[in-house]
Amino acid sequence: MCYANEMAWTRKLPAKITLKDGRVLTTLAEARQMVLAVPEPQQSHPHWQYAVELLLKAAEHEGDVEKVWAQLRRALLVEGMI
């Protein structure tokens, strides 16, 4: 397992995600920043919890960036953000 400073937050998503507010997510770092900006009560929802789990695994090079992208899109659709 990688340490936090070895995590690959610069990994690219397979396709950009454009939010309704104009933000564009293209990397794991941008996705992480967006998820951290979600209000805490919403972060406890299962769709966000799973997105975070996949995001961390991908940043540790143990996860699939395609799965992160797909789950982020699901969570963002549920929240009406895309």
C-alpha atoms as a PDB file:
ATOM      1  CA  MET A   1       0.000   0.000   0.000  1.00  0.00           C
ATOM      2  CA  CYS A   2       1.238   3.512  -0.817  1.00  0.00           C
ATOM      3  CA  TYR A   3       1.696   6.298   1.682  1.00  0.00           C
ATOM      4  CA  ALA A   4      -0.360   9.479   1.255  1.00  0.00           C
ATOM      5  CA  ASN A   5       2.532  11.387  -0.336  1.00  0.00           C
ATOM      6  CA  GLU A   6       2.923   8.603  -2.914  1.00  0.00           C
ATOM      7  CA  MET A   7      -0.692   8.686  -4.002  1.00  0.00           C
ATOM      8  CA  ALA A   8      -1.257   9.410  -7.666  1.00  0.00           C
ATOM      9  CA  TRP A   9      -3.818  12.193  -7.555  1.00  0.00           C
ATOM     10  CA  THR A  10      -2.634  13.366 -10.993  1.00  0.00           C
ATOM     11  CA  ARG A  11      -4.090  10.268 -12.691  1.00  0.00           C
ATOM     12  CA  LYS A  12      -6.515  11.288 -15.424  1.00  0.00           C
ATOM     13  CA  LEU A  13     -10.164  10.300 -15.533  1.00  0.00           C
ATOM     14  CA  PRO A  14     -11.080   8.444 -18.763  1.00  0.00           C
ATOM     15  CA  ALA A  15     -13.312  11.364 -19.803  1.00  0.00           C
ATOM     16  CA  LYS A  16     -13.974  14.777 -18.342  1.00  0.00           C
ATOM     17  CA  ILE A  17     -17.018  15.400 -16.177  1.00  0.00           C
ATOM     18  CA  THR A  18     -18.571  18.843 -16.528  1.00  0.00           C
ATOM     19  CA  LEU A  19     -20.707  19.959 -13.609  1.00  0.00           C
ATOM     20  CA  LYS A  20     -23.704  22.272 -13.954  1.00  0.00           C
ATOM     21  CA  ASP A  21     -21.773  25.035 -12.173  1.00  0.00           C
ATOM     22  CA  GLY A  22     -19.103  24.976 -14.875  1.00  0.00           C
ATOM     23  CA  ARG A  23     -16.406  23.044 -12.999  1.00  0.00           C
ATOM     24  CA  VAL A  24     -14.677  20.366 -15.029  1.00  0.00           C
ATOM     25  CA  LEU A  25     -13.192  17.250 -13.460  1.00  0.00           C
ATOM     26  CA  THR A  26     -10.316  15.666 -15.393  1.00  0.00           C
ATOM     27  CA  THR A  27      -8.062  14.182 -12.676  1.00  0.00           C
ATOM     28  CA  LEU A  28      -8.393  12.292  -9.427  1.00  0.00           C
ATOM     29  CA  ALA A  29      -7.227  15.441  -7.610  1.00  0.00           C
ATOM     30  CA  GLU A  30     -10.043  17.521  -9.084  1.00  0.00           C
ATOM     31  CA  ALA A  31     -12.525  14.781  -8.225  1.00  0.00           C
ATOM     32  CA  ARG A  32     -11.190  14.618  -4.654  1.00  0.00           C
ATOM     33  CA  GLN A  33     -11.465  18.395  -4.269  1.00  0.00           C
ATOM     34  CA  MET A  34     -15.064  18.324  -5.528  1.00  0.00           C
ATOM     35  CA  VAL A  35     -16.050  15.468  -3.197  1.00  0.00           C
ATOM     36  CA  LEU A  36     -14.511  17.268  -0.217  1.00  0.00           C
ATOM     37  CA  ALA A  37     -16.665  20.301  -1.064  1.00  0.00           C
ATOM     38  CA  VAL A  38     -19.867  18.237  -0.821  1.00  0.00           C
ATOM     39  CA  PRO A  39     -21.669  19.071   2.455  1.00  0.00           C
ATOM     40  CA  GLU A  40     -20.944  16.513   5.187  1.00  0.00           C
ATOM     41  CA  PRO A  41     -24.544  15.245   5.500  1.00  0.00           C
ATOM     42  CA  GLN A  42     -24.474  14.343   1.789  1.00  0.00           C
ATOM     43  CA  GLN A  43     -21.024  12.743   2.034  1.00  0.00           C
ATOM     44  CA  SER A  44     -22.541  10.060   4.252  1.00  0.00           C
ATOM     45  CA  HIS A  45     -24.822   8.844   1.442  1.00  0.00           C
ATOM     46  CA  PRO A  46     -23.815   5.445   0.028  1.00  0.00           C
ATOM     47  CA  HIS A  47     -23.185   6.769  -3.496  1.00  0.00           C
ATOM     48  CA  TRP A  48     -20.587   9.222  -2.149  1.00  0.00           C
ATOM     49  CA  GLN A  49     -19.068   6.697   0.242  1.00  0.00           C
ATOM     50  CA  TYR A  50     -18.495   4.261  -2.618  1.00  0.00           C
ATOM     51  CA  ALA A  51     -17.093   7.029  -4.840  1.00  0.00           C
ATOM     52  CA  VAL A  52     -14.593   7.964  -2.121  1.00  0.00           C
ATOM     53  CA  GLU A  53     -13.585   4.324  -1.637  1.00  0.00           C
ATOM     54  CA  LEU A  54     -12.923   3.913  -5.363  1.00  0.00           C
ATOM     55  CA  LEU A  55     -11.158   7.281  -5.546  1.00  0.00           C
ATOM     56  CA  LEU A  56      -8.721   6.350  -2.785  1.00  0.00           C
ATOM     57  CA  LYS A  57      -7.988   2.951  -4.333  1.00  0.00           C
ATOM     58  CA  ALA A  58      -7.312   4.550  -7.714  1.00  0.00           C
ATOM     59  CA  ALA A  59      -4.990   7.124  -6.153  1.00  0.00           C
ATOM     60  CA  GLU A  60      -3.098   4.249  -4.535  1.00  0.00           C
ATOM     61  CA  HIS A  61      -2.749   2.601  -7.978  1.00  0.00           C
ATOM     62  CA  GLU A  62      -4.846  -0.294  -6.715  1.00  0.00           C
ATOM     63  CA  GLY A  63      -8.103   0.808  -8.296  1.00  0.00           C
ATOM     64  CA  ASP A  64      -9.645   1.317 -11.684  1.00  0.00           C
ATOM     65  CA  VAL A  65     -10.028   4.945 -12.783  1.00  0.00           C
ATOM     66  CA  GLU A  66     -12.908   3.904 -15.070  1.00  0.00           C
ATOM     67  CA  LYS A  67     -14.858   2.705 -12.023  1.00  0.00           C
ATOM     68  CA  VAL A  68     -14.154   5.995 -10.237  1.00  0.00           C
ATOM     69  CA  TRP A  69     -15.435   7.950 -13.230  1.00  0.00           C
ATOM     70  CA  ALA A  70     -18.613   5.841 -13.473  1.00  0.00           C
ATOM     71  CA  GLN A  71     -19.396   6.082  -9.746  1.00  0.00           C
ATOM     72  CA  LEU A  72     -18.704   9.821  -9.655  1.00  0.00           C
ATOM     73  CA  ARG A  73     -21.142  10.291 -12.518  1.00  0.00           C
ATOM     74  CA  ARG A  74     -23.775   8.240 -10.656  1.00  0.00           C
ATOM     75  CA  ALA A  75     -23.327  10.264  -7.464  1.00  0.00           C
ATOM     76  CA  LEU A  76     -23.368  13.559  -9.343  1.00  0.00           C
ATOM     77  CA  LEU A  77     -26.524  12.563 -11.236  1.00  0.00           C
ATOM     78  CA  VAL A  78     -28.276  11.605  -7.977  1.00  0.00           C
ATOM     79  CA  GLU A  79     -27.333  14.985  -6.512  1.00  0.00           C
ATOM     80  CA  GLY A  80     -28.419  16.860  -9.654  1.00  0.00           C
ATOM     81  CA  MET A  81     -24.926  18.249 -10.171  1.00  0.00           C
ATOM     82  CA  ILE A  82     -24.610  17.116 -13.792  1.00  0.00           C
END
